[in-house]
Amino acid sequence: VNNAGMPDAMRAHKMPVELVDQVLG
């Protein structure tokens, strides 16, 4: 059951690359 996940709750153009990598990861 692949359940683990996280939200980003941020506008796309304001996301730092670290958060992008974390959400994708």
PDB file of all heavy atoms in Angstrom:
ATOM      1  N   VAL A   1       0.860  -1.174   0.000  1.00  0.00           N
ATOM      2  CA  VAL A   1       0.000   0.000   0.000  1.00  0.00           C
ATOM      3  C   VAL A   1       0.900   1.228   0.000  1.00  0.00           C
ATOM      4  O   VAL A   1       1.504   1.578   1.020  1.00  0.00           O
ATOM      5  CB  VAL A   1      -0.963   0.022   1.202  1.00  0.00           C
ATOM      6  CG1 VAL A   1      -1.870   1.260   1.126  1.00  0.00           C
ATOM      7  CG2 VAL A   1      -1.798  -1.247   1.244  1.00  0.00           C
ATOM      8  N   ASN A   2       1.006   1.861  -1.153  1.00  0.00           N
ATOM      9  CA  ASN A   2       1.825   3.061  -1.321  1.00  0.00           C
ATOM     10  C   ASN A   2       1.013   4.276  -0.874  1.00  0.00           C
ATOM     11  O   ASN A   2       0.388   4.967  -1.676  1.00  0.00           O
ATOM     12  CB  ASN A   2       2.237   3.211  -2.792  1.00  0.00           C
ATOM     13  CG  ASN A   2       3.585   2.612  -3.085  1.00  0.00           C
ATOM     14  OD1 ASN A   2       4.513   2.700  -2.285  1.00  0.00           O
ATOM     15  ND2 ASN A   2       3.715   2.009  -4.258  1.00  0.00           N
ATOM     16  N   ASN A   3       1.025   4.507   0.428  1.00  0.00           N
ATOM     17  CA  ASN A   3       0.190   5.549   1.009  1.00  0.00           C
ATOM     18  C   ASN A   3       0.939   6.837   1.335  1.00  0.00           C
ATOM     19  O   ASN A   3       0.364   7.921   1.274  1.00  0.00           O
ATOM     20  CB  ASN A   3      -0.463   5.006   2.281  1.00  0.00           C
ATOM     21  CG  ASN A   3      -1.044   6.110   3.146  1.00  0.00           C
ATOM     22  OD1 ASN A   3      -2.086   6.685   2.844  1.00  0.00           O
ATOM     23  ND2 ASN A   3      -0.356   6.440   4.236  1.00  0.00           N
ATOM     24  N   ALA A   4       2.218   6.756   1.689  1.00  0.00           N
ATOM     25  CA  ALA A   4       2.951   7.946   2.142  1.00  0.00           C
ATOM     26  C   ALA A   4       2.914   9.047   1.088  1.00  0.00           C
ATOM     27  O   ALA A   4       3.103   8.804  -0.103  1.00  0.00           O
ATOM     28  CB  ALA A   4       4.401   7.575   2.458  1.00  0.00           C
ATOM     29  N   GLY A   5       2.668  10.254   1.533  1.00  0.00           N
ATOM     30  CA  GLY A   5       2.628  11.385   0.617  1.00  0.00           C
ATOM     31  C   GLY A   5       2.733  12.683   1.387  1.00  0.00           C
ATOM     32  O   GLY A   5       2.642  12.706   2.612  1.00  0.00           O
ATOM     33  N   MET A   6       2.935  13.770   0.663  1.00  0.00           N
ATOM     34  CA  MET A   6       3.021  15.082   1.293  1.00  0.00           C
ATOM     35  C   MET A   6       2.395  16.124   0.381  1.00  0.00           C
ATOM     36  O   MET A   6       2.445  16.013  -0.843  1.00  0.00           O
ATOM     37  CB  MET A   6       4.477  15.448   1.598  1.00  0.00           C
ATOM     38  CG  MET A   6       5.367  15.611   0.393  1.00  0.00           C
ATOM     39  SD  MET A   6       7.012  16.235   0.825  1.00  0.00           S
ATOM     40  CE  MET A   6       6.605  17.923   1.338  1.00  0.00           C
ATOM     41  N   PRO A   7       1.771  17.153   0.974  1.00  0.00           N
ATOM     42  CA  PRO A   7       1.229  18.249   0.173  1.00  0.00           C
ATOM     43  C   PRO A   7       2.313  19.281  -0.100  1.00  0.00           C
ATOM     44  O   PRO A   7       3.397  19.221   0.490  1.00  0.00           O
ATOM     45  CB  PRO A   7       0.155  18.822   1.091  1.00  0.00           C
ATOM     46  CG  PRO A   7       0.721  18.610   2.466  1.00  0.00           C
ATOM     47  CD  PRO A   7       1.501  17.326   2.404  1.00  0.00           C
ATOM     48  N   ASP A   8       2.036  20.230  -0.988  1.00  0.00           N
ATOM     49  CA  ASP A   8       2.960  21.351  -1.126  1.00  0.00           C
ATOM     50  C   ASP A   8       2.327  22.665  -0.671  1.00  0.00           C
ATOM     51  O   ASP A   8       2.993  23.520  -0.133  1.00  0.00           O
ATOM     52  CB  ASP A   8       3.511  21.461  -2.553  1.00  0.00           C
ATOM     53  CG  ASP A   8       2.420  21.613  -3.596  1.00  0.00           C
ATOM     54  OD1 ASP A   8       1.742  22.633  -3.605  1.00  0.00           O
ATOM     55  OD2 ASP A   8       2.274  20.689  -4.419  1.00  0.00           O
ATOM     56  N   ALA A   9       1.022  22.826  -0.866  1.00  0.00           N
ATOM     57  CA  ALA A   9       0.294  24.000  -0.358  1.00  0.00           C
ATOM     58  C   ALA A   9       0.994  25.312  -0.715  1.00  0.00           C
ATOM     59  O   ALA A   9       1.092  26.217   0.103  1.00  0.00           O
ATOM     60  CB  ALA A   9       0.089  23.898   1.152  1.00  0.00           C
ATOM     61  N   MET A  10       1.476  25.394  -1.955  1.00  0.00           N
ATOM     62  CA  MET A  10       2.209  26.591  -2.370  1.00  0.00           C
ATOM     63  C   MET A  10       1.987  26.816  -3.856  1.00  0.00           C
ATOM     64  O   MET A  10       1.840  25.876  -4.627  1.00  0.00           O
ATOM     65  CB  MET A  10       3.702  26.414  -2.076  1.00  0.00           C
ATOM     66  CG  MET A  10       4.550  27.643  -2.301  1.00  0.00           C
ATOM     67  SD  MET A  10       6.295  27.382  -1.884  1.00  0.00           S
ATOM     68  CE  MET A  10       6.196  27.222  -0.088  1.00  0.00           C
ATOM     69  N   ARG A  11       1.958  28.098  -4.247  1.00  0.00           N
ATOM     70  CA  ARG A  11       1.851  28.423  -5.660  1.00  0.00           C
ATOM     71  C   ARG A  11       3.072  27.878  -6.411  1.00  0.00           C
ATOM     72  O   ARG A  11       4.197  27.940  -5.916  1.00  0.00           O
ATOM     73  CB  ARG A  11       1.778  29.930  -5.852  1.00  0.00           C
ATOM     74  CG  ARG A  11       0.565  30.576  -5.198  1.00  0.00           C
ATOM     75  CD  ARG A  11      -0.705  30.284  -5.985  1.00  0.00           C
ATOM     76  NE  ARG A  11      -1.851  30.975  -5.399  1.00  0.00           N
ATOM     77  CZ  ARG A  11      -3.072  30.924  -5.913  1.00  0.00           C
ATOM     78  NH1 ARG A  11      -3.301  30.200  -7.004  1.00  0.00           N
ATOM     79  NH2 ARG A  11      -4.068  31.565  -5.348  1.00  0.00           N
ATOM     80  N   ALA A  12       2.835  27.361  -7.597  1.00  0.00           N
ATOM     81  CA  ALA A  12       3.886  26.685  -8.351  1.00  0.00           C
ATOM     82  C   ALA A  12       5.113  27.570  -8.564  1.00  0.00           C
ATOM     83  O   ALA A  12       6.256  27.108  -8.439  1.00  0.00           O
ATOM     84  CB  ALA A  12       3.343  26.214  -9.697  1.00  0.00           C
ATOM     85  N   HIS A  13       4.896  28.849  -8.889  1.00  0.00           N
ATOM     86  CA  HIS A  13       6.026  29.720  -9.212  1.00  0.00           C
ATOM     87  C   HIS A  13       6.793  30.184  -7.973  1.00  0.00           C
ATOM     88  O   HIS A  13       7.845  30.810  -8.108  1.00  0.00           O
ATOM     89  CB  HIS A  13       5.547  30.942 -10.004  1.00  0.00           C
ATOM     90  CG  HIS A  13       4.632  31.847  -9.239  1.00  0.00           C
ATOM     91  ND1 HIS A  13       3.325  31.517  -8.957  1.00  0.00           N
ATOM     92  CD2 HIS A  13       4.840  33.071  -8.686  1.00  0.00           C
ATOM     93  CE1 HIS A  13       2.758  32.496  -8.277  1.00  0.00           C
ATOM     94  NE2 HIS A  13       3.651  33.454  -8.104  1.00  0.00           N
ATOM     95  N   LYS A  14       6.290  29.843  -6.792  1.00  0.00           N
ATOM     96  CA  LYS A  14       6.969  30.233  -5.561  1.00  0.00           C
ATOM     97  C   LYS A  14       7.699  29.084  -4.885  1.00  0.00           C
ATOM     98  O   LYS A  14       8.349  29.270  -3.856  1.00  0.00           O
ATOM     99  CB  LYS A  14       5.960  30.829  -4.570  1.00  0.00           C
ATOM    100  CG  LYS A  14       5.346  32.138  -5.048  1.00  0.00           C
ATOM    101  CD  LYS A  14       4.402  32.714  -3.999  1.00  0.00           C
ATOM    102  CE  LYS A  14       3.846  34.061  -4.444  1.00  0.00           C
ATOM    103  NZ  LYS A  14       2.924  34.649  -3.424  1.00  0.00           N
ATOM    104  N   MET A  15       7.613  27.899  -5.455  1.00  0.00           N
ATOM    105  CA  MET A  15       8.191  26.725  -4.802  1.00  0.00           C
ATOM    106  C   MET A  15       9.714  26.693  -4.977  1.00  0.00           C
ATOM    107  O   MET A  15      10.206  26.734  -6.108  1.00  0.00           O
ATOM    108  CB  MET A  15       7.607  25.430  -5.380  1.00  0.00           C
ATOM    109  CG  MET A  15       6.156  25.185  -5.060  1.00  0.00           C
ATOM    110  SD  MET A  15       5.586  23.591  -5.718  1.00  0.00           S
ATOM    111  CE  MET A  15       6.457  22.462  -4.635  1.00  0.00           C
ATOM    112  N   PRO A  16      10.463  26.594  -3.888  1.00  0.00           N
ATOM    113  CA  PRO A  16      11.909  26.402  -4.028  1.00  0.00           C
ATOM    114  C   PRO A  16      12.193  25.016  -4.577  1.00  0.00           C
ATOM    115  O   PRO A  16      11.418  24.072  -4.389  1.00  0.00           O
ATOM    116  CB  PRO A  16      12.419  26.546  -2.590  1.00  0.00           C
ATOM    117  CG  PRO A  16      11.253  26.192  -1.728  1.00  0.00           C
ATOM    118  CD  PRO A  16      10.029  26.636  -2.482  1.00  0.00           C
ATOM    119  N   VAL A  17      13.320  24.883  -5.248  1.00  0.00           N
ATOM    120  CA  VAL A  17      13.637  23.601  -5.893  1.00  0.00           C
ATOM    121  C   VAL A  17      13.748  22.479  -4.871  1.00  0.00           C
ATOM    122  O   VAL A  17      13.422  21.318  -5.170  1.00  0.00           O
ATOM    123  CB  VAL A  17      14.928  23.730  -6.730  1.00  0.00           C
ATOM    124  CG1 VAL A  17      16.157  23.941  -5.842  1.00  0.00           C
ATOM    125  CG2 VAL A  17      15.106  22.505  -7.620  1.00  0.00           C
ATOM    126  N   GLU A  18      14.156  22.804  -3.644  1.00  0.00           N
ATOM    127  CA  GLU A  18      14.249  21.775  -2.606  1.00  0.00           C
ATOM    128  C   GLU A  18      12.886  21.168  -2.307  1.00  0.00           C
ATOM    129  O   GLU A  18      12.772  19.947  -2.109  1.00  0.00           O
ATOM    130  CB  GLU A  18      14.852  22.355  -1.335  1.00  0.00           C
ATOM    131  CG  GLU A  18      16.300  22.800  -1.441  1.00  0.00           C
ATOM    132  CD  GLU A  18      16.462  24.172  -2.074  1.00  0.00           C
ATOM    133  OE1 GLU A  18      15.445  24.876  -2.286  1.00  0.00           O
ATOM    134  OE2 GLU A  18      17.620  24.543  -2.359  1.00  0.00           O
ATOM    135  N   LEU A  19      11.848  22.012  -2.282  1.00  0.00           N
ATOM    136  CA  LEU A  19      10.500  21.506  -2.033  1.00  0.00           C
ATOM    137  C   LEU A  19       9.994  20.718  -3.239  1.00  0.00           C
ATOM    138  O   LEU A  19       9.321  19.692  -3.080  1.00  0.00           O
ATOM    139  CB  LEU A  19       9.545  22.652  -1.706  1.00  0.00           C
ATOM    140  CG  LEU A  19       8.093  22.259  -1.394  1.00  0.00           C
ATOM    141  CD1 LEU A  19       8.024  21.268  -0.237  1.00  0.00           C
ATOM    142  CD2 LEU A  19       7.251  23.501  -1.092  1.00  0.00           C
ATOM    143  N   VAL A  20      10.311  21.178  -4.429  1.00  0.00           N
ATOM    144  CA  VAL A  20       9.934  20.441  -5.639  1.00  0.00           C
ATOM    145  C   VAL A  20      10.504  19.026  -5.581  1.00  0.00           C
ATOM    146  O   VAL A  20       9.800  18.034  -5.801  1.00  0.00           O
ATOM    147  CB  VAL A  20      10.437  21.169  -6.902  1.00  0.00           C
ATOM    148  CG1 VAL A  20      10.233  20.292  -8.141  1.00  0.00           C
ATOM    149  CG2 VAL A  20       9.705  22.492  -7.074  1.00  0.00           C
ATOM    150  N   ASP A  21      11.788  18.924  -5.267  1.00  0.00           N
ATOM    151  CA  ASP A  21      12.439  17.614  -5.199  1.00  0.00           C
ATOM    152  C   ASP A  21      11.820  16.741  -4.114  1.00  0.00           C
ATOM    153  O   ASP A  21      11.655  15.526  -4.291  1.00  0.00           O
ATOM    154  CB  ASP A  21      13.936  17.782  -4.938  1.00  0.00           C
ATOM    155  CG  ASP A  21      14.685  18.335  -6.145  1.00  0.00           C
ATOM    156  OD1 ASP A  21      14.132  18.293  -7.259  1.00  0.00           O
ATOM    157  OD2 ASP A  21      15.821  18.807  -5.957  1.00  0.00           O
ATOM    158  N   GLN A  22      11.467  17.358  -2.988  1.00  0.00           N
ATOM    159  CA  GLN A  22      10.897  16.596  -1.880  1.00  0.00           C
ATOM    160  C   GLN A  22       9.520  16.045  -2.247  1.00  0.00           C
ATOM    161  O   GLN A  22       9.228  14.870  -1.994  1.00  0.00           O
ATOM    162  CB  GLN A  22      10.806  17.480  -0.633  1.00  0.00           C
ATOM    163  CG  GLN A  22      10.421  16.723   0.627  1.00  0.00           C
ATOM    164  CD  GLN A  22      10.420  17.616   1.861  1.00  0.00           C
ATOM    165  OE1 GLN A  22      10.453  18.839   1.763  1.00  0.00           O
ATOM    166  NE2 GLN A  22      10.410  16.997   3.017  1.00  0.00           N
ATOM    167  N   VAL A  23       8.674  16.880  -2.831  1.00  0.00           N
ATOM    168  CA  VAL A  23       7.325  16.442  -3.201  1.00  0.00           C
ATOM    169  C   VAL A  23       7.391  15.344  -4.262  1.00  0.00           C
ATOM    170  O   VAL A  23       6.696  14.316  -4.173  1.00  0.00           O
ATOM    171  CB  VAL A  23       6.482  17.636  -3.693  1.00  0.00           C
ATOM    172  CG1 VAL A  23       5.140  17.154  -4.259  1.00  0.00           C
ATOM    173  CG2 VAL A  23       6.235  18.624  -2.554  1.00  0.00           C
ATOM    174  N   LEU A  24       8.242  15.536  -5.271  1.00  0.00           N
ATOM    175  CA  LEU A  24       8.397  14.506  -6.300  1.00  0.00           C
ATOM    176  C   LEU A  24       8.969  13.221  -5.705  1.00  0.00           C
ATOM    177  O   LEU A  24       8.560  12.119  -6.072  1.00  0.00           O
ATOM    178  CB  LEU A  24       9.312  15.017  -7.413  1.00  0.00           C
ATOM    179  CG  LEU A  24       8.742  16.107  -8.320  1.00  0.00           C
ATOM    180  CD1 LEU A  24       9.829  16.640  -9.250  1.00  0.00           C
ATOM    181  CD2 LEU A  24       7.559  15.585  -9.133  1.00  0.00           C
ATOM    182  N   GLY A  25       9.903  13.372  -4.765  1.00  0.00           N
ATOM    183  CA  GLY A  25      10.530  12.209  -4.161  1.00  0.00           C
ATOM    184  C   GLY A  25       9.576  11.378  -3.334  1.00  0.00           C
ATOM    185  O   GLY A  25       9.518  10.149  -3.463  1.00  0.00           O
TER     186      GLY A  25
END
